Amino acid sequence: MLLHISTYRIGAPRRKREGLRIGATRLLPRGVPKREYAKRDLFDVWLPLVAPSRELLKSYNSGKKTVAQFFRAYKSEMKQPTPRHTIELLAAIARHTPIAIGCYCQDESRCHRKALIELIRSSGT
């Protein structure tokens, strides 16, 4: 089944037919009023349930975990019931309407959104 899903960097200009922007981050942007999130191309909905835990982010950003270790740990976190059900919901939504998963990371190859989109796609089949 075709899923209408993409990724983006939070703050990047919206693309045509990108759809609902979902901020998959643990932390909200500092100093930005809630009513400004969509206007500033940050996200339409904030969904921290599918973001890495603060502990995992801290160990990754400090260099204590490699990229591969980070992705394994993140995928393990997403196997818990609440994130797993949320991922299933995102897959169901993406079957009907475009969604875009966003994070602040500049390099998507080292960002959890790469793993998250894989999880959503595998959940949607």
N, C-alpha and C. Protein backbone atom coordinates (compact mmCIF):
# COMPACT_ATOMS: atom_id res chain seq x y z
N MET A 1 0.84 -1.18 0.00
CA MET A 1 0.00 0.00 0.00
C MET A 1 0.89 1.25 0.00
N LEU A 2 0.53 2.21 -0.81
CA LEU A 2 1.29 3.44 -0.95
C LEU A 2 1.08 4.35 0.26
N LEU A 3 2.20 4.81 0.82
CA LEU A 3 2.14 5.78 1.91
C LEU A 3 2.63 7.11 1.38
N HIS A 4 1.92 8.16 1.71
CA HIS A 4 2.28 9.52 1.31
C HIS A 4 3.07 10.14 2.45
N ILE A 5 4.39 9.89 2.46
CA ILE A 5 5.20 10.31 3.59
C ILE A 5 6.55 10.81 3.12
N SER A 6 7.03 11.85 3.78
CA SER A 6 8.34 12.40 3.48
C SER A 6 8.95 12.94 4.77
N THR A 7 10.16 13.44 4.66
CA THR A 7 10.81 14.05 5.81
C THR A 7 11.21 15.48 5.45
N TYR A 8 11.52 16.26 6.47
CA TYR A 8 11.97 17.63 6.25
C TYR A 8 12.76 18.09 7.46
N ARG A 9 13.53 19.14 7.27
CA ARG A 9 14.24 19.76 8.39
C ARG A 9 13.36 20.90 8.90
N ILE A 10 13.12 20.90 10.20
CA ILE A 10 12.28 21.92 10.80
C ILE A 10 12.84 23.31 10.49
N GLY A 11 11.97 24.16 9.95
CA GLY A 11 12.36 25.50 9.57
C GLY A 11 12.57 25.66 8.07
N ALA A 12 12.72 24.53 7.36
CA ALA A 12 12.87 24.58 5.90
C ALA A 12 11.53 24.98 5.28
N PRO A 13 11.57 25.69 4.16
CA PRO A 13 10.30 26.07 3.51
C PRO A 13 9.46 24.84 3.15
N ARG A 14 8.17 25.00 3.24
CA ARG A 14 7.26 23.91 2.86
C ARG A 14 7.38 23.62 1.38
N ARG A 15 7.22 22.34 1.05
CA ARG A 15 7.21 21.92 -0.35
C ARG A 15 5.76 21.69 -0.77
N LYS A 16 5.51 21.75 -2.07
CA LYS A 16 4.16 21.49 -2.58
C LYS A 16 3.74 20.09 -2.21
N ARG A 17 2.52 19.93 -1.82
CA ARG A 17 1.90 18.64 -1.48
C ARG A 17 2.63 17.89 -0.37
N GLU A 18 3.32 18.62 0.47
CA GLU A 18 4.02 18.01 1.59
C GLU A 18 3.03 17.48 2.63
N GLY A 19 1.94 18.17 2.79
CA GLY A 19 0.92 17.73 3.73
C GLY A 19 1.17 18.19 5.15
N LEU A 20 0.62 17.44 6.07
CA LEU A 20 0.70 17.76 7.49
C LEU A 20 2.13 17.60 7.98
N ARG A 21 2.68 18.65 8.56
CA ARG A 21 4.04 18.60 9.11
C ARG A 21 3.96 18.15 10.57
N ILE A 22 4.70 17.09 10.87
CA ILE A 22 4.73 16.54 12.21
C ILE A 22 6.13 16.72 12.79
N GLY A 23 6.21 17.47 13.86
CA GLY A 23 7.48 17.68 14.54
C GLY A 23 7.77 16.51 15.46
N ALA A 24 8.70 15.66 15.06
CA ALA A 24 9.05 14.46 15.83
C ALA A 24 10.29 14.75 16.66
N THR A 25 10.16 15.73 17.55
CA THR A 25 11.29 16.16 18.38
C THR A 25 10.93 16.04 19.85
N ARG A 26 11.95 15.88 20.66
CA ARG A 26 11.73 15.78 22.10
C ARG A 26 11.46 17.16 22.68
N LEU A 27 12.09 18.20 22.12
CA LEU A 27 11.98 19.55 22.68
C LEU A 27 11.32 20.51 21.69
N LEU A 28 10.54 21.42 22.23
CA LEU A 28 9.93 22.47 21.43
C LEU A 28 10.96 23.55 21.10
N PRO A 29 10.75 24.30 20.03
CA PRO A 29 11.68 25.39 19.72
C PRO A 29 11.62 26.47 20.80
N ARG A 30 12.77 26.93 21.20
CA ARG A 30 12.83 27.95 22.27
C ARG A 30 12.38 29.31 21.75
N GLY A 31 11.60 30.00 22.58
CA GLY A 31 11.22 31.37 22.30
C GLY A 31 10.22 31.55 21.18
N VAL A 32 9.58 30.48 20.73
CA VAL A 32 8.61 30.59 19.65
C VAL A 32 7.22 30.32 20.23
N PRO A 33 6.31 31.30 20.12
CA PRO A 33 4.95 31.07 20.61
C PRO A 33 4.27 29.94 19.82
N LYS A 34 3.43 29.19 20.49
CA LYS A 34 2.75 28.05 19.87
C LYS A 34 2.03 28.44 18.58
N ARG A 35 1.40 29.58 18.56
CA ARG A 35 0.64 30.02 17.39
C ARG A 35 1.54 30.31 16.19
N GLU A 36 2.86 30.36 16.40
CA GLU A 36 3.82 30.67 15.34
C GLU A 36 4.43 29.42 14.69
N TYR A 37 4.23 28.24 15.27
CA TYR A 37 4.90 27.04 14.76
C TYR A 37 4.65 26.83 13.27
N ALA A 38 3.40 26.81 12.84
CA ALA A 38 3.08 26.58 11.43
C ALA A 38 3.51 27.77 10.57
N LYS A 39 3.31 28.99 11.06
CA LYS A 39 3.67 30.18 10.30
C LYS A 39 5.16 30.21 9.97
N ARG A 40 5.98 29.70 10.89
CA ARG A 40 7.44 29.71 10.70
C ARG A 40 7.96 28.42 10.05
N ASP A 41 7.06 27.63 9.51
CA ASP A 41 7.43 26.37 8.86
C ASP A 41 8.14 25.40 9.79
N LEU A 42 7.73 25.40 11.06
CA LEU A 42 8.31 24.45 12.01
C LEU A 42 7.55 23.13 11.95
N PHE A 43 6.27 23.16 12.33
CA PHE A 43 5.40 21.99 12.23
C PHE A 43 3.98 22.39 12.52
N ASP A 44 3.05 21.52 12.09
CA ASP A 44 1.63 21.72 12.37
C ASP A 44 1.25 21.05 13.68
N VAL A 45 1.90 19.91 13.94
CA VAL A 45 1.62 19.11 15.13
C VAL A 45 2.95 18.69 15.74
N TRP A 46 3.07 18.81 17.05
CA TRP A 46 4.27 18.35 17.76
C TRP A 46 3.97 16.97 18.32
N LEU A 47 4.83 16.00 18.03
CA LEU A 47 4.60 14.62 18.44
C LEU A 47 5.86 14.04 19.09
N PRO A 48 6.13 14.42 20.34
CA PRO A 48 7.35 13.94 21.00
C PRO A 48 7.33 12.44 21.31
N LEU A 49 6.17 11.78 21.20
CA LEU A 49 6.09 10.34 21.47
C LEU A 49 6.97 9.51 20.55
N VAL A 50 7.28 10.03 19.37
CA VAL A 50 8.10 9.28 18.43
C VAL A 50 9.51 9.85 18.29
N ALA A 51 9.90 10.68 19.25
CA ALA A 51 11.25 11.22 19.29
C ALA A 51 12.11 10.36 20.22
N PRO A 52 13.41 10.37 20.03
CA PRO A 52 14.29 9.63 20.95
C PRO A 52 14.18 10.20 22.36
N SER A 53 14.39 9.36 23.35
CA SER A 53 14.37 9.83 24.74
C SER A 53 15.49 10.84 24.97
N ARG A 54 15.33 11.66 25.99
CA ARG A 54 16.38 12.64 26.33
C ARG A 54 17.70 11.93 26.64
N GLU A 55 17.60 10.79 27.33
CA GLU A 55 18.81 10.05 27.69
C GLU A 55 19.54 9.56 26.45
N LEU A 56 18.80 9.04 25.49
CA LEU A 56 19.41 8.55 24.26
C LEU A 56 20.03 9.70 23.47
N LEU A 57 19.31 10.80 23.37
CA LEU A 57 19.86 11.97 22.67
C LEU A 57 21.14 12.45 23.33
N LYS A 58 21.14 12.49 24.64
CA LYS A 58 22.32 12.96 25.38
C LYS A 58 23.52 12.06 25.12
N SER A 59 23.31 10.74 25.17
CA SER A 59 24.43 9.83 24.95
C SER A 59 24.92 9.88 23.50
N TYR A 60 24.02 10.10 22.57
CA TYR A 60 24.40 10.19 21.15
C TYR A 60 25.14 11.50 20.88
N ASN A 61 24.58 12.60 21.34
CA ASN A 61 25.19 13.91 21.08
C ASN A 61 26.54 14.09 21.78
N SER A 62 26.75 13.35 22.86
CA SER A 62 28.04 13.44 23.58
C SER A 62 29.09 12.52 22.98
N GLY A 63 28.70 11.71 21.99
CA GLY A 63 29.65 10.81 21.35
C GLY A 63 29.78 9.45 22.01
N LYS A 64 28.96 9.18 23.02
CA LYS A 64 29.02 7.90 23.71
C LYS A 64 28.39 6.77 22.90
N LYS A 65 27.59 7.12 21.90
CA LYS A 65 26.97 6.13 21.01
C LYS A 65 27.32 6.46 19.57
N THR A 66 27.60 5.41 18.80
CA THR A 66 27.81 5.60 17.36
C THR A 66 26.45 5.78 16.70
N VAL A 67 26.47 6.12 15.43
CA VAL A 67 25.22 6.27 14.68
C VAL A 67 24.46 4.94 14.70
N ALA A 68 25.16 3.84 14.45
CA ALA A 68 24.51 2.52 14.42
C ALA A 68 23.92 2.18 15.79
N GLN A 69 24.66 2.46 16.86
CA GLN A 69 24.15 2.19 18.21
C GLN A 69 22.93 3.06 18.50
N PHE A 70 22.99 4.31 18.07
CA PHE A 70 21.86 5.23 18.26
C PHE A 70 20.61 4.70 17.56
N PHE A 71 20.75 4.30 16.28
CA PHE A 71 19.59 3.80 15.54
C PHE A 71 19.03 2.53 16.17
N ARG A 72 19.89 1.63 16.62
CA ARG A 72 19.41 0.40 17.29
C ARG A 72 18.64 0.73 18.56
N ALA A 73 19.21 1.63 19.37
CA ALA A 73 18.55 2.01 20.63
C ALA A 73 17.24 2.74 20.36
N TYR A 74 17.22 3.60 19.35
CA TYR A 74 16.00 4.33 19.01
C TYR A 74 14.90 3.35 18.58
N LYS A 75 15.24 2.43 17.69
CA LYS A 75 14.26 1.45 17.23
C LYS A 75 13.75 0.60 18.37
N SER A 76 14.60 0.32 19.32
CA SER A 76 14.18 -0.43 20.51
C SER A 76 13.18 0.39 21.34
N GLU A 77 13.45 1.67 21.50
CA GLU A 77 12.51 2.54 22.22
C GLU A 77 11.15 2.58 21.52
N MET A 78 11.16 2.56 20.21
CA MET A 78 9.91 2.66 19.45
C MET A 78 9.10 1.37 19.48
N LYS A 79 9.64 0.30 20.03
CA LYS A 79 8.90 -0.96 20.16
C LYS A 79 7.97 -0.95 21.37
N GLN A 80 8.13 0.03 22.25
CA GLN A 80 7.25 0.14 23.41
C GLN A 80 5.83 0.43 22.92
N PRO A 81 4.82 0.03 23.69
CA PRO A 81 3.43 0.15 23.20
C PRO A 81 3.01 1.53 22.71
N THR A 82 3.25 2.58 23.48
CA THR A 82 2.76 3.90 23.07
C THR A 82 3.41 4.38 21.78
N PRO A 83 4.74 4.35 21.66
CA PRO A 83 5.32 4.76 20.39
C PRO A 83 4.92 3.84 19.23
N ARG A 84 4.85 2.54 19.47
CA ARG A 84 4.48 1.60 18.42
C ARG A 84 3.08 1.90 17.89
N HIS A 85 2.14 2.16 18.79
CA HIS A 85 0.77 2.48 18.37
C HIS A 85 0.73 3.81 17.62
N THR A 86 1.54 4.76 18.05
CA THR A 86 1.60 6.06 17.39
C THR A 86 2.16 5.90 15.98
N ILE A 87 3.17 5.06 15.82
CA ILE A 87 3.73 4.79 14.50
C ILE A 87 2.69 4.13 13.61
N GLU A 88 1.92 3.22 14.15
CA GLU A 88 0.84 2.58 13.38
C GLU A 88 -0.20 3.62 12.94
N LEU A 89 -0.51 4.56 13.82
CA LEU A 89 -1.45 5.62 13.48
C LEU A 89 -0.88 6.49 12.36
N LEU A 90 0.40 6.85 12.44
CA LEU A 90 1.01 7.66 11.38
C LEU A 90 0.96 6.93 10.04
N ALA A 91 1.19 5.63 10.05
CA ALA A 91 1.11 4.84 8.81
C ALA A 91 -0.31 4.88 8.25
N ALA A 92 -1.30 4.74 9.12
CA ALA A 92 -2.70 4.77 8.67
C ALA A 92 -3.05 6.14 8.09
N ILE A 93 -2.59 7.20 8.72
CA ILE A 93 -2.85 8.55 8.21
C ILE A 93 -2.18 8.73 6.85
N ALA A 94 -0.93 8.25 6.73
CA ALA A 94 -0.17 8.42 5.48
C ALA A 94 -0.76 7.63 4.32
N ARG A 95 -1.63 6.67 4.61
CA ARG A 95 -2.32 5.96 3.52
C ARG A 95 -3.36 6.86 2.85
N HIS A 96 -3.83 7.88 3.58
CA HIS A 96 -4.93 8.72 3.10
C HIS A 96 -4.55 10.16 2.78
N THR A 97 -3.50 10.65 3.41
CA THR A 97 -3.13 12.05 3.21
C THR A 97 -1.62 12.19 3.41
N PRO A 98 -1.00 13.14 2.72
CA PRO A 98 0.45 13.32 2.88
C PRO A 98 0.83 13.82 4.27
N ILE A 99 1.90 13.25 4.79
CA ILE A 99 2.49 13.73 6.04
C ILE A 99 3.99 13.88 5.84
N ALA A 100 4.59 14.76 6.62
CA ALA A 100 6.03 14.97 6.58
C ALA A 100 6.55 14.94 8.00
N ILE A 101 7.59 14.15 8.22
CA ILE A 101 8.19 13.99 9.55
C ILE A 101 9.40 14.91 9.64
N GLY A 102 9.41 15.76 10.66
CA GLY A 102 10.48 16.73 10.78
C GLY A 102 11.28 16.66 12.06
N CYS A 103 12.52 17.12 11.96
CA CYS A 103 13.44 17.22 13.09
C CYS A 103 14.39 18.38 12.80
N TYR A 104 15.13 18.79 13.81
CA TYR A 104 16.07 19.89 13.66
C TYR A 104 17.38 19.48 12.99
N CYS A 105 17.70 18.21 12.97
CA CYS A 105 19.00 17.72 12.48
C CYS A 105 19.24 18.14 11.03
N GLN A 106 20.46 18.57 10.76
CA GLN A 106 20.82 18.98 9.42
C GLN A 106 21.06 17.77 8.52
N ASP A 107 21.72 16.75 9.05
CA ASP A 107 22.09 15.56 8.28
C ASP A 107 21.10 14.43 8.56
N GLU A 108 20.19 14.20 7.63
CA GLU A 108 19.15 13.19 7.83
C GLU A 108 19.72 11.79 7.98
N SER A 109 20.87 11.52 7.39
CA SER A 109 21.45 10.18 7.49
C SER A 109 21.87 9.84 8.91
N ARG A 110 22.00 10.85 9.76
CA ARG A 110 22.40 10.65 11.16
C ARG A 110 21.27 10.99 12.13
N CYS A 111 20.07 11.17 11.58
CA CYS A 111 18.92 11.63 12.36
C CYS A 111 17.88 10.52 12.54
N HIS A 112 17.18 10.57 13.66
CA HIS A 112 16.16 9.55 13.94
C HIS A 112 15.02 9.56 12.93
N ARG A 113 14.80 10.69 12.24
CA ARG A 113 13.68 10.71 11.28
C ARG A 113 13.90 9.71 10.15
N LYS A 114 15.16 9.41 9.84
CA LYS A 114 15.46 8.37 8.84
C LYS A 114 14.94 7.02 9.32
N ALA A 115 15.21 6.69 10.58
CA ALA A 115 14.74 5.42 11.14
C ALA A 115 13.22 5.45 11.34
N LEU A 116 12.69 6.58 11.74
CA LEU A 116 11.25 6.69 11.98
C LEU A 116 10.46 6.46 10.69
N ILE A 117 10.91 7.04 9.61
CA ILE A 117 10.18 6.85 8.35
C ILE A 117 10.23 5.38 7.92
N GLU A 118 11.34 4.70 8.19
CA GLU A 118 11.43 3.26 7.90
C GLU A 118 10.42 2.48 8.75
N LEU A 119 10.32 2.85 10.02
CA LEU A 119 9.37 2.18 10.92
C LEU A 119 7.92 2.41 10.47
N ILE A 120 7.63 3.64 10.05
CA ILE A 120 6.28 3.94 9.57
C ILE A 120 5.97 3.16 8.31
N ARG A 121 6.92 3.13 7.39
CA ARG A 121 6.71 2.37 6.14
C ARG A 121 6.52 0.89 6.41
N SER A 122 7.30 0.32 7.30
CA SER A 122 7.15 -1.11 7.58
C SER A 122 5.86 -1.40 8.33
N SER A 123 5.38 -0.44 9.10
CA SER A 123 4.11 -0.59 9.82
C SER A 123 2.93 -0.45 8.87
N GLY A 124 3.12 0.28 7.78
CA GLY A 124 2.03 0.55 6.86
C GLY A 124 1.78 -0.53 5.82
N THR A 125 2.59 -1.58 5.83
CA THR A 125 2.42 -2.63 4.82
C THR A 125 1.61 -3.80 5.37
